[in-house]
Amino acid sequence: MRIFIVVTALLTVASCKHGSQQPDPPVGTVDDICFERDILPIFQSNCAMSGCHDATTQADGVQLTSYSTIMNTGEIEPGKPNKSEAYEEIIDGKMPPYGYTPLSQAQKDLLYQWIAEGAKNGVGCPSTCDSNSFTYSGAVSKIMAQRCVGCHSATNASGGIDLSSHASVKTQATRGALMGSIQGKAPWKFMPQGGNSLSDCEIAQIRKWIDAGTPND
């Protein structure tokens, strides 16, 4: 009888210890993800472009222009990327729709980790931008990929403008359209259309790259 009691007690303690352990956190590939800085631009450039899920069109009744409108769709389940319909449609190639530039693997990783970490509404996050870094490969092309190519790619050149290669970006920079649009100066329309403006640092990077002669560096 005593042996039974001792064994039962040991099993109970072991069970309590096991039950108190927290589940392993999701394996991450990206640190310090910020919704406002890292995630919102992906939605605005690749989902909320004109004619799709912008505030005016709201295709299929869906608007993806802010944290509240994205979460109100019910297609993001915090902590569960693989049960989030929005993420699954991106992985399956359904979104962005056929003809538009698909998200890069880096963008998919950001979305996965953001959802896995609870899909939080991070705002006012510190910038990782360095205005002294303004090469095409290290700065300009990354800005184009994150903020512009969703609408202005080789396969979906909205307004006839492609910003997916050095040659095409250089063309727009040389004619003054690139700086004019990101600063909202007439006769160019403000860009990104329907999205947040580029930061002062990002604008400085592009300006310095243009002043340096738009090299393919």
C-alpha atoms as a PDB file:
ATOM      1  CA  MET A   1       0.000   0.000   0.000  1.00  0.00           C
ATOM      2  CA  ARG A   2       2.813   2.385   0.927  1.00  0.00           C
ATOM      3  CA  ILE A   3       4.581   1.614  -2.348  1.00  0.00           C
ATOM      4  CA  PHE A   4       1.407   2.445  -4.284  1.00  0.00           C
ATOM      5  CA  ILE A   5       1.060   5.797  -2.466  1.00  0.00           C
ATOM      6  CA  VAL A   6       4.701   6.732  -3.111  1.00  0.00           C
ATOM      7  CA  VAL A   7       4.483   5.837  -6.800  1.00  0.00           C
ATOM      8  CA  THR A   8       1.224   7.751  -7.152  1.00  0.00           C
ATOM      9  CA  ALA A   9       2.765  10.817  -5.509  1.00  0.00           C
ATOM     10  CA  LEU A  10       5.802  10.692  -7.772  1.00  0.00           C
ATOM     11  CA  LEU A  11       3.613  10.420 -10.855  1.00  0.00           C
ATOM     12  CA  THR A  12       1.505  13.356  -9.669  1.00  0.00           C
ATOM     13  CA  VAL A  13       4.594  15.555  -9.143  1.00  0.00           C
ATOM     14  CA  ALA A  14       5.977  14.578 -12.512  1.00  0.00           C
ATOM     15  CA  SER A  15       2.636  15.338 -14.120  1.00  0.00           C
ATOM     16  CA  CYS A  16       2.467  18.766 -12.453  1.00  0.00           C
ATOM     17  CA  LYS A  17       5.974  19.647 -13.543  1.00  0.00           C
ATOM     18  CA  HIS A  18       5.237  18.603 -17.104  1.00  0.00           C
ATOM     19  CA  GLY A  19       1.966  20.536 -17.161  1.00  0.00           C
ATOM     20  CA  SER A  20       3.664  23.727 -15.947  1.00  0.00           C
ATOM     21  CA  GLN A  21       6.116  23.789 -18.830  1.00  0.00           C
ATOM     22  CA  GLN A  22       5.417  26.371 -21.529  1.00  0.00           C
ATOM     23  CA  PRO A  23       5.203  25.172 -25.134  1.00  0.00           C
ATOM     24  CA  ASP A  24       8.268  25.757 -27.225  1.00  0.00           C
ATOM     25  CA  PRO A  25       8.131  29.156 -28.966  1.00  0.00           C
ATOM     26  CA  PRO A  26       7.838  29.126 -32.753  1.00  0.00           C
ATOM     27  CA  VAL A  27      11.127  28.821 -34.572  1.00  0.00           C
ATOM     28  CA  GLY A  28      11.889  32.290 -35.910  1.00  0.00           C
ATOM     29  CA  THR A  29      14.004  33.467 -38.805  1.00  0.00           C
ATOM     30  CA  VAL A  30      13.495  37.208 -38.314  1.00  0.00           C
ATOM     31  CA  ASP A  31      14.039  39.264 -35.178  1.00  0.00           C
ATOM     32  CA  ASP A  32      12.171  42.320 -33.909  1.00  0.00           C
ATOM     33  CA  ILE A  33       9.343  42.332 -36.438  1.00  0.00           C
ATOM     34  CA  CYS A  34       7.288  45.518 -36.379  1.00  0.00           C
ATOM     35  CA  PHE A  35       3.845  45.640 -38.012  1.00  0.00           C
ATOM     36  CA  GLU A  36       3.985  49.290 -39.042  1.00  0.00           C
ATOM     37  CA  ARG A  37       7.528  49.109 -40.378  1.00  0.00           C
ATOM     38  CA  ASP A  38       7.772  45.567 -41.781  1.00  0.00           C
ATOM     39  CA  ILE A  39       4.311  44.060 -42.338  1.00  0.00           C
ATOM     40  CA  LEU A  40       1.954  46.876 -43.345  1.00  0.00           C
ATOM     41  CA  PRO A  41       4.043  47.836 -46.420  1.00  0.00           C
ATOM     42  CA  ILE A  42       3.745  44.245 -47.679  1.00  0.00           C
ATOM     43  CA  PHE A  43      -0.050  44.396 -47.527  1.00  0.00           C
ATOM     44  CA  GLN A  44      -0.246  47.904 -48.950  1.00  0.00           C
ATOM     45  CA  SER A  45       2.044  47.200 -51.903  1.00  0.00           C
ATOM     46  CA  ASN A  46       0.901  43.667 -52.748  1.00  0.00           C
ATOM     47  CA  CYS A  47      -2.738  43.528 -51.645  1.00  0.00           C
ATOM     48  CA  ALA A  48      -4.158  47.034 -51.265  1.00  0.00           C
ATOM     49  CA  MET A  49      -3.121  48.342 -54.672  1.00  0.00           C
ATOM     50  CA  SER A  50      -5.669  50.223 -56.739  1.00  0.00           C
ATOM     51  CA  GLY A  51      -8.424  47.926 -57.998  1.00  0.00           C
ATOM     52  CA  CYS A  52      -7.904  45.284 -55.325  1.00  0.00           C
ATOM     53  CA  HIS A  53      -8.149  45.573 -51.549  1.00  0.00           C
ATOM     54  CA  ASP A  54      -7.695  49.334 -51.278  1.00  0.00           C
ATOM     55  CA  ALA A  55     -10.109  51.594 -49.403  1.00  0.00           C
ATOM     56  CA  THR A  56     -11.968  52.497 -52.607  1.00  0.00           C
ATOM     57  CA  THR A  57     -12.333  49.134 -54.360  1.00  0.00           C
ATOM     58  CA  GLN A  58     -12.482  46.703 -51.427  1.00  0.00           C
ATOM     59  CA  ALA A  59     -12.540  43.681 -53.740  1.00  0.00           C
ATOM     60  CA  ASP A  60     -14.742  40.895 -52.332  1.00  0.00           C
ATOM     61  CA  GLY A  61     -15.596  43.269 -49.489  1.00  0.00           C
ATOM     62  CA  VAL A  62     -12.043  43.098 -48.160  1.00  0.00           C
ATOM     63  CA  GLN A  63      -9.867  46.099 -47.299  1.00  0.00           C
ATOM     64  CA  LEU A  64      -6.217  45.603 -46.319  1.00  0.00           C
ATOM     65  CA  THR A  65      -4.911  49.097 -45.664  1.00  0.00           C
ATOM     66  CA  SER A  66      -4.389  49.131 -41.891  1.00  0.00           C
ATOM     67  CA  TYR A  67      -3.991  46.866 -38.879  1.00  0.00           C
ATOM     68  CA  SER A  68      -7.695  47.051 -38.015  1.00  0.00           C
ATOM     69  CA  THR A  69      -8.929  46.326 -41.543  1.00  0.00           C
ATOM     70  CA  ILE A  70      -6.487  43.423 -41.928  1.00  0.00           C
ATOM     71  CA  MET A  71      -7.473  41.841 -38.615  1.00  0.00           C
ATOM     72  CA  ASN A  72     -11.190  42.472 -39.161  1.00  0.00           C
ATOM     73  CA  THR A  73     -11.154  40.091 -42.121  1.00  0.00           C
ATOM     74  CA  GLY A  74     -10.833  37.185 -39.707  1.00  0.00           C
ATOM     75  CA  GLU A  75      -8.205  35.691 -42.022  1.00  0.00           C
ATOM     76  CA  ILE A  76      -5.331  36.166 -39.564  1.00  0.00           C
ATOM     77  CA  GLU A  77      -5.303  33.853 -36.550  1.00  0.00           C
ATOM     78  CA  PRO A  78      -2.698  35.146 -34.081  1.00  0.00           C
ATOM     79  CA  GLY A  79      -0.156  32.497 -33.190  1.00  0.00           C
ATOM     80  CA  LYS A  80      -1.265  30.151 -35.966  1.00  0.00           C
ATOM     81  CA  PRO A  81       0.160  31.018 -39.406  1.00  0.00           C
ATOM     82  CA  ASN A  82      -0.895  27.730 -40.967  1.00  0.00           C
ATOM     83  CA  LYS A  83      -4.482  28.275 -39.852  1.00  0.00           C
ATOM     84  CA  SER A  84      -4.555  31.858 -41.137  1.00  0.00           C
ATOM     85  CA  GLU A  85      -6.404  31.989 -44.449  1.00  0.00           C
ATOM     86  CA  ALA A  86      -4.584  35.113 -45.632  1.00  0.00           C
ATOM     87  CA  TYR A  87      -1.187  33.462 -45.156  1.00  0.00           C
ATOM     88  CA  GLU A  88      -2.339  30.195 -46.728  1.00  0.00           C
ATOM     89  CA  GLU A  89      -3.577  32.002 -49.843  1.00  0.00           C
ATOM     90  CA  ILE A  90      -0.184  33.678 -50.199  1.00  0.00           C
ATOM     91  CA  ILE A  91       1.666  30.367 -49.812  1.00  0.00           C
ATOM     92  CA  ASP A  92      -0.686  28.646 -52.278  1.00  0.00           C
ATOM     93  CA  GLY A  93      -0.038  31.363 -54.857  1.00  0.00           C
ATOM     94  CA  LYS A  94      -3.629  32.625 -54.838  1.00  0.00           C
ATOM     95  CA  MET A  95      -2.598  36.037 -53.562  1.00  0.00           C
ATOM     96  CA  PRO A  96      -1.434  38.315 -54.998  1.00  0.00           C
ATOM     97  CA  PRO A  97      -3.582  37.119 -57.936  1.00  0.00           C
ATOM     98  CA  TYR A  98      -2.148  35.694 -61.148  1.00  0.00           C
ATOM     99  CA  GLY A  99      -0.288  38.306 -63.164  1.00  0.00           C
ATOM    100  CA  TYR A 100       1.012  40.157 -60.121  1.00  0.00           C
ATOM    101  CA  THR A 101       4.475  39.685 -58.662  1.00  0.00           C
ATOM    102  CA  PRO A 102       4.383  37.006 -55.926  1.00  0.00           C
ATOM    103  CA  LEU A 103       5.831  37.773 -52.535  1.00  0.00           C
ATOM    104  CA  SER A 104       9.490  36.978 -52.022  1.00  0.00           C
ATOM    105  CA  GLN A 105      10.520  34.264 -49.596  1.00  0.00           C
ATOM    106  CA  ALA A 106      11.800  36.952 -47.229  1.00  0.00           C
ATOM    107  CA  GLN A 107       8.367  38.607 -47.211  1.00  0.00           C
ATOM    108  CA  LYS A 108       6.647  35.269 -46.607  1.00  0.00           C
ATOM    109  CA  ASP A 109       9.016  34.596 -43.706  1.00  0.00           C
ATOM    110  CA  LEU A 110       8.181  37.980 -42.182  1.00  0.00           C
ATOM    111  CA  LEU A 111       4.448  37.331 -42.410  1.00  0.00           C
ATOM    112  CA  TYR A 112       4.808  33.829 -40.944  1.00  0.00           C
ATOM    113  CA  GLN A 113       6.846  35.009 -37.999  1.00  0.00           C
ATOM    114  CA  TRP A 114       4.624  38.045 -37.365  1.00  0.00           C
ATOM    115  CA  ILE A 115       1.557  35.812 -37.141  1.00  0.00           C
ATOM    116  CA  ALA A 116       3.412  33.174 -35.105  1.00  0.00           C
ATOM    117  CA  GLU A 117       4.410  35.836 -32.579  1.00  0.00           C
ATOM    118  CA  GLY A 118       0.797  36.910 -32.109  1.00  0.00           C
ATOM    119  CA  ALA A 119       0.162  39.273 -35.042  1.00  0.00           C
ATOM    120  CA  LYS A 120       0.748  42.299 -32.822  1.00  0.00           C
ATOM    121  CA  ASN A 121       0.137  45.894 -33.853  1.00  0.00           C
ATOM    122  CA  GLY A 122       3.650  47.227 -33.464  1.00  0.00           C
ATOM    123  CA  VAL A 123       3.840  50.967 -34.159  1.00  0.00           C
ATOM    124  CA  GLY A 124       6.435  53.705 -33.725  1.00  0.00           C
ATOM    125  CA  CYS A 125       9.212  51.155 -34.112  1.00  0.00           C
ATOM    126  CA  PRO A 126      12.818  52.295 -34.458  1.00  0.00           C
ATOM    127  CA  SER A 127      14.012  52.532 -38.032  1.00  0.00           C
ATOM    128  CA  THR A 128      16.739  50.225 -39.289  1.00  0.00           C
ATOM    129  CA  CYS A 129      17.459  52.588 -42.186  1.00  0.00           C
ATOM    130  CA  ASP A 130      20.933  54.100 -42.628  1.00  0.00           C
ATOM    131  CA  SER A 131      20.999  57.064 -45.017  1.00  0.00           C
ATOM    132  CA  ASN A 132      24.728  56.569 -45.507  1.00  0.00           C
ATOM    133  CA  SER A 133      23.966  53.245 -47.188  1.00  0.00           C
ATOM    134  CA  PHE A 134      22.571  54.070 -50.607  1.00  0.00           C
ATOM    135  CA  THR A 135      23.791  51.494 -53.093  1.00  0.00           C
ATOM    136  CA  TYR A 136      21.240  50.044 -55.490  1.00  0.00           C
ATOM    137  CA  SER A 137      21.578  46.470 -54.195  1.00  0.00           C
ATOM    138  CA  GLY A 138      21.851  47.405 -50.528  1.00  0.00           C
ATOM    139  CA  ALA A 139      19.139  50.039 -50.306  1.00  0.00           C
ATOM    140  CA  VAL A 140      17.267  51.199 -53.403  1.00  0.00           C
ATOM    141  CA  SER A 141      16.271  47.796 -54.793  1.00  0.00           C
ATOM    142  CA  LYS A 142      15.050  46.711 -51.351  1.00  0.00           C
ATOM    143  CA  ILE A 143      12.843  49.800 -51.057  1.00  0.00           C
ATOM    144  CA  MET A 144      11.434  49.132 -54.516  1.00  0.00           C
ATOM    145  CA  ALA A 145      10.736  45.487 -53.663  1.00  0.00           C
ATOM    146  CA  GLN A 146       8.996  46.329 -50.394  1.00  0.00           C
ATOM    147  CA  ARG A 147       7.082  49.435 -51.377  1.00  0.00           C
ATOM    148  CA  CYS A 148       6.688  49.598 -55.173  1.00  0.00           C
ATOM    149  CA  VAL A 149       7.046  46.345 -57.120  1.00  0.00           C
ATOM    150  CA  GLY A 150       3.654  45.042 -56.018  1.00  0.00           C
ATOM    151  CA  CYS A 151       2.134  47.527 -58.464  1.00  0.00           C
ATOM    152  CA  HIS A 152       5.068  48.287 -60.737  1.00  0.00           C
ATOM    153  CA  SER A 153       6.608  45.002 -61.883  1.00  0.00           C
ATOM    154  CA  ALA A 154       7.558  43.659 -65.289  1.00  0.00           C
ATOM    155  CA  THR A 155       4.383  41.565 -65.396  1.00  0.00           C
ATOM    156  CA  ASN A 156       2.102  44.195 -63.844  1.00  0.00           C
ATOM    157  CA  ALA A 157       3.458  47.606 -64.797  1.00  0.00           C
ATOM    158  CA  SER A 158       0.751  49.884 -63.435  1.00  0.00           C
ATOM    159  CA  GLY A 159       0.733  53.098 -65.454  1.00  0.00           C
ATOM    160  CA  GLY A 160       3.298  51.519 -67.739  1.00  0.00           C
ATOM    161  CA  ILE A 161       5.956  51.859 -65.034  1.00  0.00           C
ATOM    162  CA  ASP A 162       8.209  48.954 -64.083  1.00  0.00           C
ATOM    163  CA  LEU A 163      10.416  49.259 -60.993  1.00  0.00           C
ATOM    164  CA  SER A 164      11.669  45.696 -60.766  1.00  0.00           C
ATOM    165  CA  SER A 165      15.148  46.114 -62.282  1.00  0.00           C
ATOM    166  CA  HIS A 166      18.036  48.536 -62.139  1.00  0.00           C
ATOM    167  CA  ALA A 167      17.515  49.665 -65.729  1.00  0.00           C
ATOM    168  CA  SER A 168      13.816  50.399 -65.210  1.00  0.00           C
ATOM    169  CA  VAL A 169      14.359  52.212 -61.906  1.00  0.00           C
ATOM    170  CA  LYS A 170      17.164  54.254 -63.467  1.00  0.00           C
ATOM    171  CA  THR A 171      14.819  55.311 -66.285  1.00  0.00           C
ATOM    172  CA  GLN A 172      12.280  56.701 -63.811  1.00  0.00           C
ATOM    173  CA  ALA A 173      14.997  58.306 -61.705  1.00  0.00           C
ATOM    174  CA  THR A 174      16.614  60.012 -64.681  1.00  0.00           C
ATOM    175  CA  ARG A 175      13.365  61.582 -65.838  1.00  0.00           C
ATOM    176  CA  GLY A 176      12.649  62.877 -62.344  1.00  0.00           C
ATOM    177  CA  ALA A 177       9.576  60.692 -61.863  1.00  0.00           C
ATOM    178  CA  LEU A 178      11.002  58.595 -59.034  1.00  0.00           C
ATOM    179  CA  MET A 179      11.812  61.456 -56.671  1.00  0.00           C
ATOM    180  CA  GLY A 180       8.797  63.429 -57.830  1.00  0.00           C
ATOM    181  CA  SER A 181       6.357  60.637 -57.006  1.00  0.00           C
ATOM    182  CA  ILE A 182       7.768  59.610 -53.625  1.00  0.00           C
ATOM    183  CA  GLN A 183       7.742  63.282 -52.579  1.00  0.00           C
ATOM    184  CA  GLY A 184       4.347  63.972 -54.120  1.00  0.00           C
ATOM    185  CA  LYS A 185       5.545  66.791 -56.343  1.00  0.00           C
ATOM    186  CA  ALA A 186       3.524  67.810 -59.399  1.00  0.00           C
ATOM    187  CA  PRO A 187       3.052  66.663 -62.082  1.00  0.00           C
ATOM    188  CA  TRP A 188       3.589  63.227 -60.509  1.00  0.00           C
ATOM    189  CA  LYS A 189       1.104  61.490 -58.239  1.00  0.00           C
ATOM    190  CA  PHE A 190       2.148  60.682 -54.708  1.00  0.00           C
ATOM    191  CA  MET A 191       3.489  57.166 -54.288  1.00  0.00           C
ATOM    192  CA  PRO A 192       3.070  54.612 -52.830  1.00  0.00           C
ATOM    193  CA  GLN A 193      -0.563  55.192 -53.766  1.00  0.00           C
ATOM    194  CA  GLY A 194      -2.803  54.466 -50.789  1.00  0.00           C
ATOM    195  CA  GLY A 195       0.188  53.641 -48.597  1.00  0.00           C
ATOM    196  CA  ASN A 196       2.369  55.399 -46.063  1.00  0.00           C
ATOM    197  CA  SER A 197       5.030  57.672 -47.464  1.00  0.00           C
ATOM    198  CA  LEU A 198       8.636  56.549 -47.484  1.00  0.00           C
ATOM    199  CA  SER A 199      10.616  57.645 -44.456  1.00  0.00           C
ATOM    200  CA  ASP A 200      12.943  60.620 -44.645  1.00  0.00           C
ATOM    201  CA  CYS A 201      15.847  58.184 -44.477  1.00  0.00           C
ATOM    202  CA  GLU A 202      14.563  56.095 -47.396  1.00  0.00           C
ATOM    203  CA  ILE A 203      13.997  59.213 -49.482  1.00  0.00           C
ATOM    204  CA  ALA A 204      17.537  60.351 -48.639  1.00  0.00           C
ATOM    205  CA  GLN A 205      18.928  56.982 -49.740  1.00  0.00           C
ATOM    206  CA  ILE A 206      17.207  57.242 -53.111  1.00  0.00           C
ATOM    207  CA  ARG A 207      18.243  60.860 -53.569  1.00  0.00           C
ATOM    208  CA  LYS A 208      21.895  60.099 -52.773  1.00  0.00           C
ATOM    209  CA  TRP A 209      21.849  57.146 -55.176  1.00  0.00           C
ATOM    210  CA  ILE A 210      20.499  59.397 -57.942  1.00  0.00           C
ATOM    211  CA  ASP A 211      23.050  62.117 -57.129  1.00  0.00           C
ATOM    212  CA  ALA A 212      25.769  59.457 -57.391  1.00  0.00           C
ATOM    213  CA  GLY A 213      24.703  58.743 -60.976  1.00  0.00           C
ATOM    214  CA  THR A 214      22.250  55.845 -60.404  1.00  0.00           C
ATOM    215  CA  PRO A 215      24.976  53.153 -60.443  1.00  0.00           C
ATOM    216  CA  ASN A 216      24.145  49.457 -60.549  1.00  0.00           C
ATOM    217  CA  ASP A 217      26.155  48.824 -57.395  1.00  0.00           C
END
